[in-house]
Amino acid sequence: MKRCIFCFKIILFCYIFLVFNISSFAYGSFSFGISLGNPTGLSLKIQQRKDFVYDFVTNFATNPQYLYLHCDFLKYNYEKITSKELTGKLPIFYGIGLKFENTKNTTNIGLRFVCGIEYIFADIPFEIFFKVAPYIEIFPLTAVGIAPSIGIRYIFK
């Protein structure tokens, strides 16, 4: 069962990558890395345009009977924070997303409201981010919570 869930995650990430890959190269980048927090897992960012991004995260397979996945649609603003001391870019972002959480006994589906900040290095192909995502679980029961996370991704161009 553990291998089955792990394989499912890999296949799902590959599918997401292939579906969005063609349009993402119109702008020219996608990023892959890790996210620490809620959840701790793999992070994939696909940049549709300079200011619109798809952000996917799935958990690491520490528990074979637990699967977490979220997809956020984010708007980036590169002009809000500017600094002459920083060589890279420091955009803020905000958006909305879907959250899917599956355990042995339940499946939870919810909405995420995301905001955060990211630093994109000028000299090396890496980006670091911090985000906070208040969420509302809407199925099967209603619940609210906050999911903060930090992470780092490698930028493929």
C-alpha atoms as a PDB file:
ATOM      1  CA  MET A   1       0.000   0.000   0.000  1.00  0.00           C
ATOM      2  CA  LYS A   2       2.847   2.386   0.862  1.00  0.00           C
ATOM      3  CA  ARG A   3       4.422   1.879  -2.569  1.00  0.00           C
ATOM      4  CA  CYS A   4       1.054   2.348  -4.221  1.00  0.00           C
ATOM      5  CA  ILE A   5       0.506   5.778  -2.618  1.00  0.00           C
ATOM      6  CA  PHE A   6       4.089   6.827  -3.366  1.00  0.00           C
ATOM      7  CA  CYS A   7       3.695   5.776  -7.026  1.00  0.00           C
ATOM      8  CA  PHE A   8       0.376   7.617  -7.194  1.00  0.00           C
ATOM      9  CA  LYS A   9       2.058  10.820  -5.977  1.00  0.00           C
ATOM     10  CA  ILE A  10       4.865  10.517  -8.516  1.00  0.00           C
ATOM     11  CA  ILE A  11       2.403   9.848 -11.344  1.00  0.00           C
ATOM     12  CA  LEU A  12       0.194  12.752 -10.240  1.00  0.00           C
ATOM     13  CA  PHE A  13       3.142  15.159 -10.102  1.00  0.00           C
ATOM     14  CA  CYS A  14       4.327  13.989 -13.557  1.00  0.00           C
ATOM     15  CA  TYR A  15       0.820  14.412 -14.950  1.00  0.00           C
ATOM     16  CA  ILE A  16       0.526  17.926 -13.532  1.00  0.00           C
ATOM     17  CA  PHE A  17       3.932  18.752 -14.957  1.00  0.00           C
ATOM     18  CA  LEU A  18       3.064  17.420 -18.418  1.00  0.00           C
ATOM     19  CA  VAL A  19      -0.368  19.090 -18.561  1.00  0.00           C
ATOM     20  CA  PHE A  20       0.981  22.528 -17.688  1.00  0.00           C
ATOM     21  CA  ASN A  21       4.407  22.121 -19.262  1.00  0.00           C
ATOM     22  CA  ILE A  22       3.538  23.318 -22.754  1.00  0.00           C
ATOM     23  CA  SER A  23       1.965  26.569 -21.640  1.00  0.00           C
ATOM     24  CA  SER A  24       4.524  27.192 -18.891  1.00  0.00           C
ATOM     25  CA  PHE A  25       7.379  27.404 -21.358  1.00  0.00           C
ATOM     26  CA  ALA A  26       5.616  30.268 -23.108  1.00  0.00           C
ATOM     27  CA  TYR A  27       6.865  32.373 -20.197  1.00  0.00           C
ATOM     28  CA  GLY A  28       9.853  30.167 -19.572  1.00  0.00           C
ATOM     29  CA  SER A  29      10.050  28.678 -16.103  1.00  0.00           C
ATOM     30  CA  PHE A  30       8.942  26.123 -13.613  1.00  0.00           C
ATOM     31  CA  SER A  31      10.419  25.382 -10.204  1.00  0.00           C
ATOM     32  CA  PHE A  32      10.709  22.234  -8.121  1.00  0.00           C
ATOM     33  CA  GLY A  33      11.745  21.901  -4.477  1.00  0.00           C
ATOM     34  CA  ILE A  34      10.627  21.287  -0.927  1.00  0.00           C
ATOM     35  CA  SER A  35       8.161  22.964   1.392  1.00  0.00           C
ATOM     36  CA  LEU A  36       8.461  22.814   5.185  1.00  0.00           C
ATOM     37  CA  GLY A  37       5.493  23.427   7.440  1.00  0.00           C
ATOM     38  CA  ASN A  38       1.935  22.472   6.772  1.00  0.00           C
ATOM     39  CA  PRO A  39       2.450  20.322   4.755  1.00  0.00           C
ATOM     40  CA  THR A  40       6.078  19.248   4.574  1.00  0.00           C
ATOM     41  CA  GLY A  41       6.557  17.871   1.103  1.00  0.00           C
ATOM     42  CA  LEU A  42       7.398  18.401  -2.544  1.00  0.00           C
ATOM     43  CA  SER A  43       6.642  21.750  -4.156  1.00  0.00           C
ATOM     44  CA  LEU A  44       6.097  22.450  -7.856  1.00  0.00           C
ATOM     45  CA  LYS A  45       5.560  25.979  -9.200  1.00  0.00           C
ATOM     46  CA  ILE A  46       4.545  26.502 -12.817  1.00  0.00           C
ATOM     47  CA  GLN A  47       4.692  30.049 -14.110  1.00  0.00           C
ATOM     48  CA  GLN A  48       2.018  30.710 -16.726  1.00  0.00           C
ATOM     49  CA  ARG A  49       2.891  34.377 -17.148  1.00  0.00           C
ATOM     50  CA  LYS A  50       5.088  36.766 -15.230  1.00  0.00           C
ATOM     51  CA  ASP A  51       2.302  37.513 -12.773  1.00  0.00           C
ATOM     52  CA  PHE A  52       0.292  34.236 -12.636  1.00  0.00           C
ATOM     53  CA  VAL A  53       1.526  30.997 -11.082  1.00  0.00           C
ATOM     54  CA  TYR A  54       0.215  27.509 -10.286  1.00  0.00           C
ATOM     55  CA  ASP A  55       1.650  26.131  -7.047  1.00  0.00           C
ATOM     56  CA  PHE A  56       1.312  22.428  -6.165  1.00  0.00           C
ATOM     57  CA  VAL A  57       2.428  20.727  -2.945  1.00  0.00           C
ATOM     58  CA  THR A  58       2.129  17.121  -1.831  1.00  0.00           C
ATOM     59  CA  ASN A  59       3.279  15.611   1.450  1.00  0.00           C
ATOM     60  CA  PHE A  60       6.212  13.246   1.924  1.00  0.00           C
ATOM     61  CA  ALA A  61       5.114   9.634   2.385  1.00  0.00           C
ATOM     62  CA  THR A  62       5.846   9.295   6.111  1.00  0.00           C
ATOM     63  CA  ASN A  63       2.486   7.657   6.687  1.00  0.00           C
ATOM     64  CA  PRO A  64       1.411   5.312   3.874  1.00  0.00           C
ATOM     65  CA  GLN A  65      -2.263   5.904   4.626  1.00  0.00           C
ATOM     66  CA  TYR A  66      -2.126   9.709   4.382  1.00  0.00           C
ATOM     67  CA  LEU A  67      -2.162  11.800   1.221  1.00  0.00           C
ATOM     68  CA  TYR A  68      -2.162  15.589   1.062  1.00  0.00           C
ATOM     69  CA  LEU A  69      -2.243  17.694  -2.092  1.00  0.00           C
ATOM     70  CA  HIS A  70      -3.037  21.316  -2.756  1.00  0.00           C
ATOM     71  CA  CYS A  71      -3.100  23.448  -5.856  1.00  0.00           C
ATOM     72  CA  ASP A  72      -3.027  27.242  -5.595  1.00  0.00           C
ATOM     73  CA  PHE A  73      -3.572  29.823  -8.310  1.00  0.00           C
ATOM     74  CA  LEU A  74      -1.431  32.822  -7.353  1.00  0.00           C
ATOM     75  CA  LYS A  75      -1.059  36.392  -8.579  1.00  0.00           C
ATOM     76  CA  TYR A  76       2.462  37.818  -8.225  1.00  0.00           C
ATOM     77  CA  ASN A  77       3.252  41.501  -7.710  1.00  0.00           C
ATOM     78  CA  TYR A  78       6.898  42.420  -8.356  1.00  0.00           C
ATOM     79  CA  GLU A  79       6.511  46.174  -7.757  1.00  0.00           C
ATOM     80  CA  LYS A  80       5.228  46.266  -4.139  1.00  0.00           C
ATOM     81  CA  ILE A  81       8.658  45.722  -2.548  1.00  0.00           C
ATOM     82  CA  THR A  82      11.751  47.107  -4.225  1.00  0.00           C
ATOM     83  CA  SER A  83      15.254  47.529  -2.846  1.00  0.00           C
ATOM     84  CA  LYS A  84      18.505  48.728  -4.352  1.00  0.00           C
ATOM     85  CA  GLU A  85      20.476  46.472  -1.975  1.00  0.00           C
ATOM     86  CA  LEU A  86      18.882  43.261  -3.250  1.00  0.00           C
ATOM     87  CA  THR A  87      20.102  41.871  -6.556  1.00  0.00           C
ATOM     88  CA  GLY A  88      17.187  39.461  -6.942  1.00  0.00           C
ATOM     89  CA  LYS A  89      13.438  39.961  -7.115  1.00  0.00           C
ATOM     90  CA  LEU A  90      11.175  40.102  -4.053  1.00  0.00           C
ATOM     91  CA  PRO A  91       7.561  39.644  -5.169  1.00  0.00           C
ATOM     92  CA  ILE A  92       4.556  39.263  -2.908  1.00  0.00           C
ATOM     93  CA  PHE A  93       1.799  36.892  -3.945  1.00  0.00           C
ATOM     94  CA  TYR A  94      -1.785  36.080  -3.085  1.00  0.00           C
ATOM     95  CA  GLY A  95      -4.434  33.783  -4.407  1.00  0.00           C
ATOM     96  CA  ILE A  96      -6.862  30.947  -3.866  1.00  0.00           C
ATOM     97  CA  GLY A  97      -6.485  27.191  -4.003  1.00  0.00           C
ATOM     98  CA  LEU A  98      -7.953  23.767  -3.360  1.00  0.00           C
ATOM     99  CA  LYS A  99      -6.842  21.388  -0.622  1.00  0.00           C
ATOM    100  CA  PHE A 100      -7.269  17.614  -0.689  1.00  0.00           C
ATOM    101  CA  GLU A 101      -6.447  15.467   2.339  1.00  0.00           C
ATOM    102  CA  ASN A 102      -7.047  11.720   2.470  1.00  0.00           C
ATOM    103  CA  THR A 103      -6.530   9.464   5.483  1.00  0.00           C
ATOM    104  CA  LYS A 104      -7.531   5.868   6.070  1.00  0.00           C
ATOM    105  CA  ASN A 105     -10.942   6.919   7.387  1.00  0.00           C
ATOM    106  CA  THR A 106     -11.768  10.317   5.855  1.00  0.00           C
ATOM    107  CA  THR A 107     -11.312  12.545   2.864  1.00  0.00           C
ATOM    108  CA  ASN A 108     -11.269  16.307   3.444  1.00  0.00           C
ATOM    109  CA  ILE A 109     -11.652  18.903   0.711  1.00  0.00           C
ATOM    110  CA  GLY A 110     -11.231  22.603   1.329  1.00  0.00           C
ATOM    111  CA  LEU A 111     -10.442  26.065   0.028  1.00  0.00           C
ATOM    112  CA  ARG A 112      -7.167  27.885   0.723  1.00  0.00           C
ATOM    113  CA  PHE A 113      -6.594  31.637   0.750  1.00  0.00           C
ATOM    114  CA  VAL A 114      -2.872  32.150   0.241  1.00  0.00           C
ATOM    115  CA  CYS A 115      -0.556  35.124   0.713  1.00  0.00           C
ATOM    116  CA  GLY A 116       3.204  35.235   0.941  1.00  0.00           C
ATOM    117  CA  ILE A 117       6.546  36.574  -0.161  1.00  0.00           C
ATOM    118  CA  GLU A 118       9.284  35.072  -2.303  1.00  0.00           C
ATOM    119  CA  TYR A 119      12.896  35.923  -3.033  1.00  0.00           C
ATOM    120  CA  ILE A 120      14.192  34.978  -6.474  1.00  0.00           C
ATOM    121  CA  PHE A 121      17.985  35.046  -6.569  1.00  0.00           C
ATOM    122  CA  ALA A 122      19.592  36.895  -9.482  1.00  0.00           C
ATOM    123  CA  ASP A 123      22.825  34.897  -9.720  1.00  0.00           C
ATOM    124  CA  ILE A 124      21.696  31.357  -8.973  1.00  0.00           C
ATOM    125  CA  PRO A 125      18.556  29.501 -10.130  1.00  0.00           C
ATOM    126  CA  PHE A 126      16.894  29.244  -6.714  1.00  0.00           C
ATOM    127  CA  GLU A 127      13.961  30.869  -4.975  1.00  0.00           C
ATOM    128  CA  ILE A 128      12.916  30.835  -1.334  1.00  0.00           C
ATOM    129  CA  PHE A 129       9.412  31.517  -0.118  1.00  0.00           C
ATOM    130  CA  PHE A 130       7.241  32.012   2.934  1.00  0.00           C
ATOM    131  CA  LYS A 131       3.472  31.742   2.769  1.00  0.00           C
ATOM    132  CA  VAL A 132       0.479  31.607   5.057  1.00  0.00           C
ATOM    133  CA  ALA A 133      -2.732  29.966   3.938  1.00  0.00           C
ATOM    134  CA  PRO A 134      -5.885  30.201   6.024  1.00  0.00           C
ATOM    135  CA  TYR A 135      -8.201  27.431   4.879  1.00  0.00           C
ATOM    136  CA  ILE A 136     -11.782  26.275   5.181  1.00  0.00           C
ATOM    137  CA  GLU A 137     -12.544  22.581   4.925  1.00  0.00           C
ATOM    138  CA  ILE A 138     -15.911  22.178   3.261  1.00  0.00           C
ATOM    139  CA  PHE A 139     -16.291  18.417   2.908  1.00  0.00           C
ATOM    140  CA  PRO A 140     -17.262  16.236   4.795  1.00  0.00           C
ATOM    141  CA  LEU A 141     -17.316  18.595   7.798  1.00  0.00           C
ATOM    142  CA  THR A 142     -16.663  22.315   8.057  1.00  0.00           C
ATOM    143  CA  ALA A 143     -13.441  23.336   9.803  1.00  0.00           C
ATOM    144  CA  VAL A 144     -10.964  26.202   9.625  1.00  0.00           C
ATOM    145  CA  GLY A 145      -7.219  26.421  10.112  1.00  0.00           C
ATOM    146  CA  ILE A 146      -3.984  28.085   9.068  1.00  0.00           C
ATOM    147  CA  ALA A 147      -1.198  26.429   7.068  1.00  0.00           C
ATOM    148  CA  PRO A 148       2.131  28.325   7.179  1.00  0.00           C
ATOM    149  CA  SER A 149       5.124  27.081   5.189  1.00  0.00           C
ATOM    150  CA  ILE A 150       8.599  28.016   4.031  1.00  0.00           C
ATOM    151  CA  GLY A 151      10.561  26.422   1.259  1.00  0.00           C
ATOM    152  CA  ILE A 152      13.154  26.475  -1.462  1.00  0.00           C
ATOM    153  CA  ARG A 153      12.836  25.572  -5.142  1.00  0.00           C
ATOM    154  CA  TYR A 154      15.249  25.130  -8.022  1.00  0.00           C
ATOM    155  CA  ILE A 155      14.247  27.134 -11.125  1.00  0.00           C
ATOM    156  CA  PHE A 156      14.321  25.315 -14.473  1.00  0.00           C
ATOM    157  CA  LYS A 157      14.445  27.601 -17.507  1.00  0.00           C
END
